[in-house]
Amino acid sequence: INVKGNAAYILAGLTIKAGSEPNTVVVTTENPDP
C-alpha cells in the first residue's frame, strides 16, 4: 500500500494488523467489500 506502486489503488482504504488469535491477520475495509 505505502510504496504506492501502480497496483496500490486495489487495496486503498485497508487496515492490516495481527489478529488476537495466534497466526491470524485481520484486514479491515472502510466500506463493505466482498
Full PDB file with SEQRES, HELIX, SHEET, SSBOND, CRYST1, ORIGX, SCALE, CONECT and MASTER records, all heavy atoms in Angstrom:
SEQRES   1 A   34  ILE ASN VAL LYS GLY ASN ALA ALA TYR ILE LEU ALA GLY          
SEQRES   2 A   34  LEU THR ILE LYS ALA GLY SER GLU PRO ASN THR VAL VAL          
SEQRES   3 A   34  VAL THR THR GLU ASN PRO ASP PRO                              
HELIX    1 AA1 ALA A    8  LEU A   11  5                                   4    
SHEET    1 AA1 2 LEU A  14  ALA A  18  0                                        
SHEET    2 AA1 2 VAL A  25  THR A  29 -1                                        
CRYST1    1.000    1.000    1.000  90.00  90.00  90.00 P 1           1          
ORIGX1      1.000000  0.000000  0.000000        0.00000                         
ORIGX2      0.000000  1.000000  0.000000        0.00000                         
ORIGX3      0.000000  0.000000  1.000000        0.00000                         
SCALE1      1.000000  0.000000  0.000000        0.00000                         
SCALE2      0.000000  1.000000  0.000000        0.00000                         
SCALE3      0.000000  0.000000  1.000000        0.00000                         
ATOM      1  N   ILE A   1       0.832  -1.208   0.000  1.00  0.00           N  
ATOM      2  CA  ILE A   1       0.000   0.000   0.000  1.00  0.00           C  
ATOM      3  C   ILE A   1       0.863   1.253   0.000  1.00  0.00           C  
ATOM      4  O   ILE A   1       0.643   2.188  -0.783  1.00  0.00           O  
ATOM      5  CB  ILE A   1      -0.939  -0.005   1.219  1.00  0.00           C  
ATOM      6  CG1 ILE A   1      -1.963  -1.151   1.111  1.00  0.00           C  
ATOM      7  CG2 ILE A   1      -1.647   1.341   1.368  1.00  0.00           C  
ATOM      8  CD1 ILE A   1      -2.759  -1.383   2.378  1.00  0.00           C  
ATOM      9  N   ASN A   2       1.894   1.269   0.846  1.00  0.00           N  
ATOM     10  CA  ASN A   2       2.606   2.517   1.111  1.00  0.00           C  
ATOM     11  C   ASN A   2       3.729   2.844   0.138  1.00  0.00           C  
ATOM     12  O   ASN A   2       4.120   4.026   0.049  1.00  0.00           O  
ATOM     13  CB  ASN A   2       3.135   2.513   2.545  1.00  0.00           C  
ATOM     14  CG  ASN A   2       2.020   2.623   3.569  1.00  0.00           C  
ATOM     15  OD1 ASN A   2       1.031   3.315   3.334  1.00  0.00           O  
ATOM     16  ND2 ASN A   2       2.152   1.929   4.682  1.00  0.00           N  
ATOM     17  N   VAL A   3       4.258   1.866  -0.594  1.00  0.00           N  
ATOM     18  CA  VAL A   3       5.242   2.250  -1.624  1.00  0.00           C  
ATOM     19  C   VAL A   3       4.544   2.888  -2.815  1.00  0.00           C  
ATOM     20  O   VAL A   3       5.184   3.456  -3.694  1.00  0.00           O  
ATOM     21  CB  VAL A   3       6.114   1.052  -2.100  1.00  0.00           C  
ATOM     22  CG1 VAL A   3       6.943   0.489  -0.975  1.00  0.00           C  
ATOM     23  CG2 VAL A   3       5.276  -0.012  -2.782  1.00  0.00           C  
ATOM     24  N   LYS A   4       3.213   2.756  -2.826  1.00  0.00           N  
ATOM     25  CA  LYS A   4       2.381   3.424  -3.843  1.00  0.00           C  
ATOM     26  C   LYS A   4       2.760   3.021  -5.265  1.00  0.00           C  
ATOM     27  O   LYS A   4       2.861   3.854  -6.175  1.00  0.00           O  
ATOM     28  CB  LYS A   4       2.437   4.944  -3.677  1.00  0.00           C  
ATOM     29  CG  LYS A   4       1.810   5.433  -2.366  1.00  0.00           C  
ATOM     30  CD  LYS A   4       1.873   6.932  -2.230  1.00  0.00           C  
ATOM     31  CE  LYS A   4       1.035   7.445  -1.057  1.00  0.00           C  
ATOM     32  NZ  LYS A   4       1.357   6.820   0.233  1.00  0.00           N  
ATOM     33  N   GLY A   5       2.948   1.700  -5.452  1.00  0.00           N  
ATOM     34  CA  GLY A   5       3.108   1.176  -6.795  1.00  0.00           C  
ATOM     35  C   GLY A   5       1.804   1.270  -7.562  1.00  0.00           C  
ATOM     36  O   GLY A   5       0.757   1.666  -7.011  1.00  0.00           O  
ATOM     37  N   ASN A   6       1.844   0.903  -8.839  1.00  0.00           N  
ATOM     38  CA  ASN A   6       0.655   1.067  -9.686  1.00  0.00           C  
ATOM     39  C   ASN A   6      -0.538   0.240  -9.228  1.00  0.00           C  
ATOM     40  O   ASN A   6      -1.682   0.558  -9.557  1.00  0.00           O  
ATOM     41  CB  ASN A   6       0.999   0.707 -11.136  1.00  0.00           C  
ATOM     42  CG  ASN A   6       1.839   1.772 -11.798  1.00  0.00           C  
ATOM     43  OD1 ASN A   6       1.807   2.932 -11.421  1.00  0.00           O  
ATOM     44  ND2 ASN A   6       2.620   1.385 -12.796  1.00  0.00           N  
ATOM     45  N   ALA A   7      -0.290  -0.844  -8.486  1.00  0.00           N  
ATOM     46  CA  ALA A   7      -1.395  -1.694  -8.028  1.00  0.00           C  
ATOM     47  C   ALA A   7      -1.938  -1.282  -6.667  1.00  0.00           C  
ATOM     48  O   ALA A   7      -2.936  -1.848  -6.208  1.00  0.00           O  
ATOM     49  CB  ALA A   7      -0.946  -3.149  -7.978  1.00  0.00           C  
ATOM     50  N   ALA A   8      -1.322  -0.305  -6.023  1.00  0.00           N  
ATOM     51  CA  ALA A   8      -1.697   0.033  -4.649  1.00  0.00           C  
ATOM     52  C   ALA A   8      -3.151   0.459  -4.527  1.00  0.00           C  
ATOM     53  O   ALA A   8      -3.788   0.242  -3.489  1.00  0.00           O  
ATOM     54  CB  ALA A   8      -0.780   1.123  -4.114  1.00  0.00           C  
ATOM     55  N   TYR A   9      -3.710   1.041  -5.589  1.00  0.00           N  
ATOM     56  CA  TYR A   9      -5.105   1.514  -5.510  1.00  0.00           C  
ATOM     57  C   TYR A   9      -6.073   0.369  -5.231  1.00  0.00           C  
ATOM     58  O   TYR A   9      -7.165   0.593  -4.677  1.00  0.00           O  
ATOM     59  CB  TYR A   9      -5.494   2.204  -6.822  1.00  0.00           C  
ATOM     60  CG  TYR A   9      -5.827   1.269  -7.944  1.00  0.00           C  
ATOM     61  CD1 TYR A   9      -7.132   0.863  -8.181  1.00  0.00           C  
ATOM     62  CD2 TYR A   9      -4.826   0.740  -8.764  1.00  0.00           C  
ATOM     63  CE1 TYR A   9      -7.445  -0.021  -9.205  1.00  0.00           C  
ATOM     64  CE2 TYR A   9      -5.127  -0.139  -9.788  1.00  0.00           C  
ATOM     65  CZ  TYR A   9      -6.426  -0.516 -10.003  1.00  0.00           C  
ATOM     66  OH  TYR A   9      -6.724  -1.403 -11.007  1.00  0.00           O  
ATOM     67  N   ILE A  10      -5.698  -0.855  -5.587  1.00  0.00           N  
ATOM     68  CA  ILE A  10      -6.584  -2.011  -5.394  1.00  0.00           C  
ATOM     69  C   ILE A  10      -6.840  -2.240  -3.901  1.00  0.00           C  
ATOM     70  O   ILE A  10      -7.905  -2.745  -3.514  1.00  0.00           O  
ATOM     71  CB  ILE A  10      -5.985  -3.269  -6.045  1.00  0.00           C  
ATOM     72  CG1 ILE A  10      -5.859  -3.064  -7.567  1.00  0.00           C  
ATOM     73  CG2 ILE A  10      -6.821  -4.515  -5.752  1.00  0.00           C  
ATOM     74  CD1 ILE A  10      -5.149  -4.207  -8.286  1.00  0.00           C  
ATOM     75  N   LEU A  11      -5.883  -1.853  -3.061  1.00  0.00           N  
ATOM     76  CA  LEU A  11      -6.022  -2.051  -1.612  1.00  0.00           C  
ATOM     77  C   LEU A  11      -6.288  -0.737  -0.877  1.00  0.00           C  
ATOM     78  O   LEU A  11      -6.104  -0.664   0.340  1.00  0.00           O  
ATOM     79  CB  LEU A  11      -4.759  -2.706  -1.049  1.00  0.00           C  
ATOM     80  CG  LEU A  11      -4.406  -4.097  -1.568  1.00  0.00           C  
ATOM     81  CD1 LEU A  11      -3.264  -4.685  -0.760  1.00  0.00           C  
ATOM     82  CD2 LEU A  11      -5.611  -5.036  -1.523  1.00  0.00           C  
ATOM     83  N   ALA A  12      -6.735   0.278  -1.576  1.00  0.00           N  
ATOM     84  CA  ALA A  12      -6.978   1.572  -0.937  1.00  0.00           C  
ATOM     85  C   ALA A  12      -7.999   1.436   0.195  1.00  0.00           C  
ATOM     86  O   ALA A  12      -9.009   0.742   0.066  1.00  0.00           O  
ATOM     87  CB  ALA A  12      -7.472   2.581  -1.964  1.00  0.00           C  
ATOM     88  N   GLY A  13      -7.706   2.086   1.309  1.00  0.00           N  
ATOM     89  CA  GLY A  13      -8.644   2.112   2.426  1.00  0.00           C  
ATOM     90  C   GLY A  13      -8.577   0.918   3.356  1.00  0.00           C  
ATOM     91  O   GLY A  13      -9.447   0.773   4.226  1.00  0.00           O  
ATOM     92  N   LEU A  14      -7.561   0.064   3.220  1.00  0.00           N  
ATOM     93  CA  LEU A  14      -7.456  -1.116   4.078  1.00  0.00           C  
ATOM     94  C   LEU A  14      -6.628  -0.836   5.325  1.00  0.00           C  
ATOM     95  O   LEU A  14      -5.695  -0.024   5.303  1.00  0.00           O  
ATOM     96  CB  LEU A  14      -6.803  -2.275   3.325  1.00  0.00           C  
ATOM     97  CG  LEU A  14      -7.502  -2.833   2.093  1.00  0.00           C  
ATOM     98  CD1 LEU A  14      -6.825  -4.129   1.664  1.00  0.00           C  
ATOM     99  CD2 LEU A  14      -8.976  -3.075   2.356  1.00  0.00           C  
ATOM    100  N   THR A  15      -6.972  -1.550   6.385  1.00  0.00           N  
ATOM    101  CA  THR A  15      -6.156  -1.587   7.593  1.00  0.00           C  
ATOM    102  C   THR A  15      -5.758  -3.035   7.836  1.00  0.00           C  
ATOM    103  O   THR A  15      -6.626  -3.919   7.827  1.00  0.00           O  
ATOM    104  CB  THR A  15      -6.927  -1.042   8.811  1.00  0.00           C  
ATOM    105  OG1 THR A  15      -7.321   0.304   8.551  1.00  0.00           O  
ATOM    106  CG2 THR A  15      -6.062  -1.088  10.061  1.00  0.00           C  
ATOM    107  N   ILE A  16      -4.453  -3.274   8.037  1.00  0.00           N  
ATOM    108  CA  ILE A  16      -3.955  -4.637   8.224  1.00  0.00           C  
ATOM    109  C   ILE A  16      -3.255  -4.720   9.572  1.00  0.00           C  
ATOM    110  O   ILE A  16      -2.388  -3.898   9.888  1.00  0.00           O  
ATOM    111  CB  ILE A  16      -2.968  -5.031   7.101  1.00  0.00           C  
ATOM    112  CG1 ILE A  16      -3.662  -4.985   5.732  1.00  0.00           C  
ATOM    113  CG2 ILE A  16      -2.422  -6.432   7.337  1.00  0.00           C  
ATOM    114  CD1 ILE A  16      -3.274  -3.803   4.892  1.00  0.00           C  
ATOM    115  N   LYS A  17      -3.633  -5.702  10.380  1.00  0.00           N  
ATOM    116  CA  LYS A  17      -2.979  -5.865  11.681  1.00  0.00           C  
ATOM    117  C   LYS A  17      -3.058  -7.331  12.105  1.00  0.00           C  
ATOM    118  O   LYS A  17      -3.874  -8.112  11.594  1.00  0.00           O  
ATOM    119  CB  LYS A  17      -3.639  -4.985  12.735  1.00  0.00           C  
ATOM    120  CG  LYS A  17      -5.091  -5.321  13.019  1.00  0.00           C  
ATOM    121  CD  LYS A  17      -5.685  -4.396  14.077  1.00  0.00           C  
ATOM    122  CE  LYS A  17      -7.136  -4.779  14.390  1.00  0.00           C  
ATOM    123  NZ  LYS A  17      -7.722  -3.891  15.424  1.00  0.00           N  
ATOM    124  N   ALA A  18      -2.187  -7.710  13.041  1.00  0.00           N  
ATOM    125  CA  ALA A  18      -2.218  -9.065  13.589  1.00  0.00           C  
ATOM    126  C   ALA A  18      -3.509  -9.264  14.359  1.00  0.00           C  
ATOM    127  O   ALA A  18      -4.008  -8.346  15.030  1.00  0.00           O  
ATOM    128  CB  ALA A  18      -1.015  -9.294  14.491  1.00  0.00           C  
ATOM    129  N   GLY A  19      -4.075 -10.479  14.258  1.00  0.00           N  
ATOM    130  CA  GLY A  19      -5.302 -10.790  14.977  1.00  0.00           C  
ATOM    131  C   GLY A  19      -5.046 -11.142  16.427  1.00  0.00           C  
ATOM    132  O   GLY A  19      -3.899 -11.349  16.847  1.00  0.00           O  
ATOM    133  N   SER A  20      -6.099 -11.224  17.200  1.00  0.00           N  
ATOM    134  CA  SER A  20      -5.970 -11.577  18.613  1.00  0.00           C  
ATOM    135  C   SER A  20      -5.686 -13.060  18.792  1.00  0.00           C  
ATOM    136  O   SER A  20      -5.111 -13.466  19.799  1.00  0.00           O  
ATOM    137  CB  SER A  20      -7.243 -11.182  19.368  1.00  0.00           C  
ATOM    138  OG  SER A  20      -8.383 -11.825  18.799  1.00  0.00           O  
ATOM    139  N   GLU A  21      -6.085 -13.886  17.827  1.00  0.00           N  
ATOM    140  CA  GLU A  21      -5.800 -15.317  17.880  1.00  0.00           C  
ATOM    141  C   GLU A  21      -4.455 -15.594  17.223  1.00  0.00           C  
ATOM    142  O   GLU A  21      -4.017 -14.866  16.325  1.00  0.00           O  
ATOM    143  CB  GLU A  21      -6.900 -16.096  17.162  1.00  0.00           C  
ATOM    144  CG  GLU A  21      -8.276 -15.961  17.784  1.00  0.00           C  
ATOM    145  CD  GLU A  21      -8.339 -16.539  19.180  1.00  0.00           C  
ATOM    146  OE1 GLU A  21      -7.688 -17.580  19.422  1.00  0.00           O  
ATOM    147  OE2 GLU A  21      -9.025 -15.946  20.051  1.00  0.00           O  
ATOM    148  N   PRO A  22      -3.769 -16.672  17.648  1.00  0.00           N  
ATOM    149  CA  PRO A  22      -2.464 -16.988  17.052  1.00  0.00           C  
ATOM    150  C   PRO A  22      -2.569 -17.211  15.539  1.00  0.00           C  
ATOM    151  O   PRO A  22      -3.548 -17.760  15.042  1.00  0.00           O  
ATOM    152  CB  PRO A  22      -2.057 -18.282  17.772  1.00  0.00           C  
ATOM    153  CG  PRO A  22      -2.838 -18.290  19.037  1.00  0.00           C  
ATOM    154  CD  PRO A  22      -4.136 -17.615  18.717  1.00  0.00           C  
ATOM    155  N   ASN A  23      -1.543 -16.753  14.831  1.00  0.00           N  
ATOM    156  CA  ASN A  23      -1.421 -16.984  13.387  1.00  0.00           C  
ATOM    157  C   ASN A  23      -2.590 -16.421  12.587  1.00  0.00           C  
ATOM    158  O   ASN A  23      -2.972 -16.969  11.559  1.00  0.00           O  
ATOM    159  CB  ASN A  23      -1.263 -18.475  13.076  1.00  0.00           C  
ATOM    160  CG  ASN A  23       0.069 -19.004  13.544  1.00  0.00           C  
ATOM    161  OD1 ASN A  23       1.088 -18.325  13.432  1.00  0.00           O  
ATOM    162  ND2 ASN A  23       0.063 -20.211  14.084  1.00  0.00           N  
ATOM    163  N   THR A  24      -3.151 -15.328  13.048  1.00  0.00           N  
ATOM    164  CA  THR A  24      -4.240 -14.701  12.293  1.00  0.00           C  
ATOM    165  C   THR A  24      -3.870 -13.263  11.949  1.00  0.00           C  
ATOM    166  O   THR A  24      -3.149 -12.584  12.697  1.00  0.00           O  
ATOM    167  CB  THR A  24      -5.569 -14.700  13.075  1.00  0.00           C  
ATOM    168  OG1 THR A  24      -5.414 -13.962  14.287  1.00  0.00           O  
ATOM    169  CG2 THR A  24      -6.023 -16.117  13.365  1.00  0.00           C  
ATOM    170  N   VAL A  25      -4.366 -12.810  10.822  1.00  0.00           N  
ATOM    171  CA  VAL A  25      -4.234 -11.421  10.418  1.00  0.00           C  
ATOM    172  C   VAL A  25      -5.621 -10.908  10.081  1.00  0.00           C  
ATOM    173  O   VAL A  25      -6.437 -11.623   9.487  1.00  0.00           O  
ATOM    174  CB  VAL A  25      -3.264 -11.254   9.224  1.00  0.00           C  
ATOM    175  CG1 VAL A  25      -3.772 -11.986   7.993  1.00  0.00           C  
ATOM    176  CG2 VAL A  25      -3.031  -9.787   8.899  1.00  0.00           C  
ATOM    177  N   VAL A  26      -5.905  -9.677  10.489  1.00  0.00           N  
ATOM    178  CA  VAL A  26      -7.224  -9.089  10.280  1.00  0.00           C  
ATOM    179  C   VAL A  26      -7.087  -7.924   9.302  1.00  0.00           C  
ATOM    180  O   VAL A  26      -6.299  -6.999   9.530  1.00  0.00           O  
ATOM    181  CB  VAL A  26      -7.841  -8.597  11.602  1.00  0.00           C  
ATOM    182  CG1 VAL A  26      -9.190  -7.944  11.340  1.00  0.00           C  
ATOM    183  CG2 VAL A  26      -7.991  -9.769  12.576  1.00  0.00           C  
ATOM    184  N   VAL A  27      -7.843  -8.010   8.223  1.00  0.00           N  
ATOM    185  CA  VAL A  27      -7.872  -6.951   7.224  1.00  0.00           C  
ATOM    186  C   VAL A  27      -9.244  -6.277   7.320  1.00  0.00           C  
ATOM    187  O   VAL A  27     -10.278  -6.942   7.216  1.00  0.00           O  
ATOM    188  CB  VAL A  27      -7.639  -7.496   5.808  1.00  0.00           C  
ATOM    189  CG1 VAL A  27      -7.651  -6.357   4.788  1.00  0.00           C  
ATOM    190  CG2 VAL A  27      -6.321  -8.257   5.737  1.00  0.00           C  
ATOM    191  N   THR A  28      -9.226  -4.976   7.513  1.00  0.00           N  
ATOM    192  CA  THR A  28     -10.461  -4.210   7.676  1.00  0.00           C  
ATOM    193  C   THR A  28     -10.603  -3.213   6.529  1.00  0.00           C  
ATOM    194  O   THR A  28      -9.630  -2.550   6.154  1.00  0.00           O  
ATOM    195  CB  THR A  28     -10.458  -3.453   9.013  1.00  0.00           C  
ATOM    196  OG1 THR A  28     -10.225  -4.382  10.073  1.00  0.00           O  
ATOM    197  CG2 THR A  28     -11.792  -2.765   9.251  1.00  0.00           C  
ATOM    198  N   THR A  29     -11.807  -3.119   5.987  1.00  0.00           N  
ATOM    199  CA  THR A  29     -12.078  -2.187   4.891  1.00  0.00           C  
ATOM    200  C   THR A  29     -12.958  -1.046   5.378  1.00  0.00           C  
ATOM    201  O   THR A  29     -13.726  -1.208   6.334  1.00  0.00           O  
ATOM    202  CB  THR A  29     -12.785  -2.897   3.728  1.00  0.00           C  
ATOM    203  OG1 THR A  29     -14.070  -3.365   4.167  1.00  0.00           O  
ATOM    204  CG2 THR A  29     -11.978  -4.095   3.252  1.00  0.00           C  
ATOM    205  N   GLU A  30     -12.862   0.111   4.710  1.00  0.00           N  
ATOM    206  CA  GLU A  30     -13.702   1.246   5.087  1.00  0.00           C  
ATOM    207  C   GLU A  30     -15.157   0.998   4.732  1.00  0.00           C  
ATOM    208  O   GLU A  30     -16.072   1.414   5.457  1.00  0.00           O  
ATOM    209  CB  GLU A  30     -13.209   2.503   4.364  1.00  0.00           C  
ATOM    210  CG  GLU A  30     -11.830   2.967   4.814  1.00  0.00           C  
ATOM    211  CD  GLU A  30     -11.355   4.181   4.025  1.00  0.00           C  
ATOM    212  OE1 GLU A  30     -12.016   4.531   3.027  1.00  0.00           O  
ATOM    213  OE2 GLU A  30     -10.335   4.773   4.414  1.00  0.00           O  
ATOM    214  N   ASN A  31     -15.387   0.326   3.612  1.00  0.00           N  
ATOM    215  CA  ASN A  31     -16.734   0.032   3.140  1.00  0.00           C  
ATOM    216  C   ASN A  31     -16.879  -1.463   2.934  1.00  0.00           C  
ATOM    217  O   ASN A  31     -15.881  -2.192   2.798  1.00  0.00           O  
ATOM    218  CB  ASN A  31     -16.994   0.761   1.816  1.00  0.00           C  
ATOM    219  CG  ASN A  31     -16.870   2.262   1.953  1.00  0.00           C  
ATOM    220  OD1 ASN A  31     -17.550   2.883   2.766  1.00  0.00           O  
ATOM    221  ND2 ASN A  31     -15.976   2.863   1.158  1.00  0.00           N  
ATOM    222  N   PRO A  32     -18.098  -1.977   2.909  1.00  0.00           N  
ATOM    223  CA  PRO A  32     -18.272  -3.406   2.630  1.00  0.00           C  
ATOM    224  C   PRO A  32     -17.556  -3.804   1.336  1.00  0.00           C  
ATOM    225  O   PRO A  32     -17.663  -3.099   0.327  1.00  0.00           O  
ATOM    226  CB  PRO A  32     -19.792  -3.553   2.501  1.00  0.00           C  
ATOM    227  CG  PRO A  32     -20.346  -2.421   3.314  1.00  0.00           C  
ATOM    228  CD  PRO A  32     -19.384  -1.283   3.138  1.00  0.00           C  
ATOM    229  N   ASP A  33     -16.825  -4.908   1.367  1.00  0.00           N  
ATOM    230  CA  ASP A  33     -16.031  -5.287   0.192  1.00  0.00           C  
ATOM    231  C   ASP A  33     -15.909  -6.812   0.083  1.00  0.00           C  
ATOM    232  O   ASP A  33     -14.877  -7.394   0.395  1.00  0.00           O  
ATOM    233  CB  ASP A  33     -14.646  -4.659   0.259  1.00  0.00           C  
ATOM    234  CG  ASP A  33     -13.862  -4.848  -1.026  1.00  0.00           C  
ATOM    235  OD1 ASP A  33     -14.426  -5.377  -2.001  1.00  0.00           O  
ATOM    236  OD2 ASP A  33     -12.675  -4.475  -1.064  1.00  0.00           O  
ATOM    237  N   PRO A  34     -16.973  -7.472  -0.391  1.00  0.00           N  
ATOM    238  CA  PRO A  34     -16.893  -8.925  -0.574  1.00  0.00           C  
ATOM    239  C   PRO A  34     -15.810  -9.356  -1.552  1.00  0.00           C  
ATOM    240  O   PRO A  34     -15.416 -10.530  -1.564  1.00  0.00           O  
ATOM    241  CB  PRO A  34     -18.289  -9.274  -1.117  1.00  0.00           C  
ATOM    242  CG  PRO A  34     -19.165  -8.142  -0.724  1.00  0.00           C  
ATOM    243  CD  PRO A  34     -18.293  -6.937  -0.738  1.00  0.00           C  
TER     244      PRO A  34                                                      
MASTER        0    0    0    1    2    0    0    6  243    1    0    3          
END                                                                             
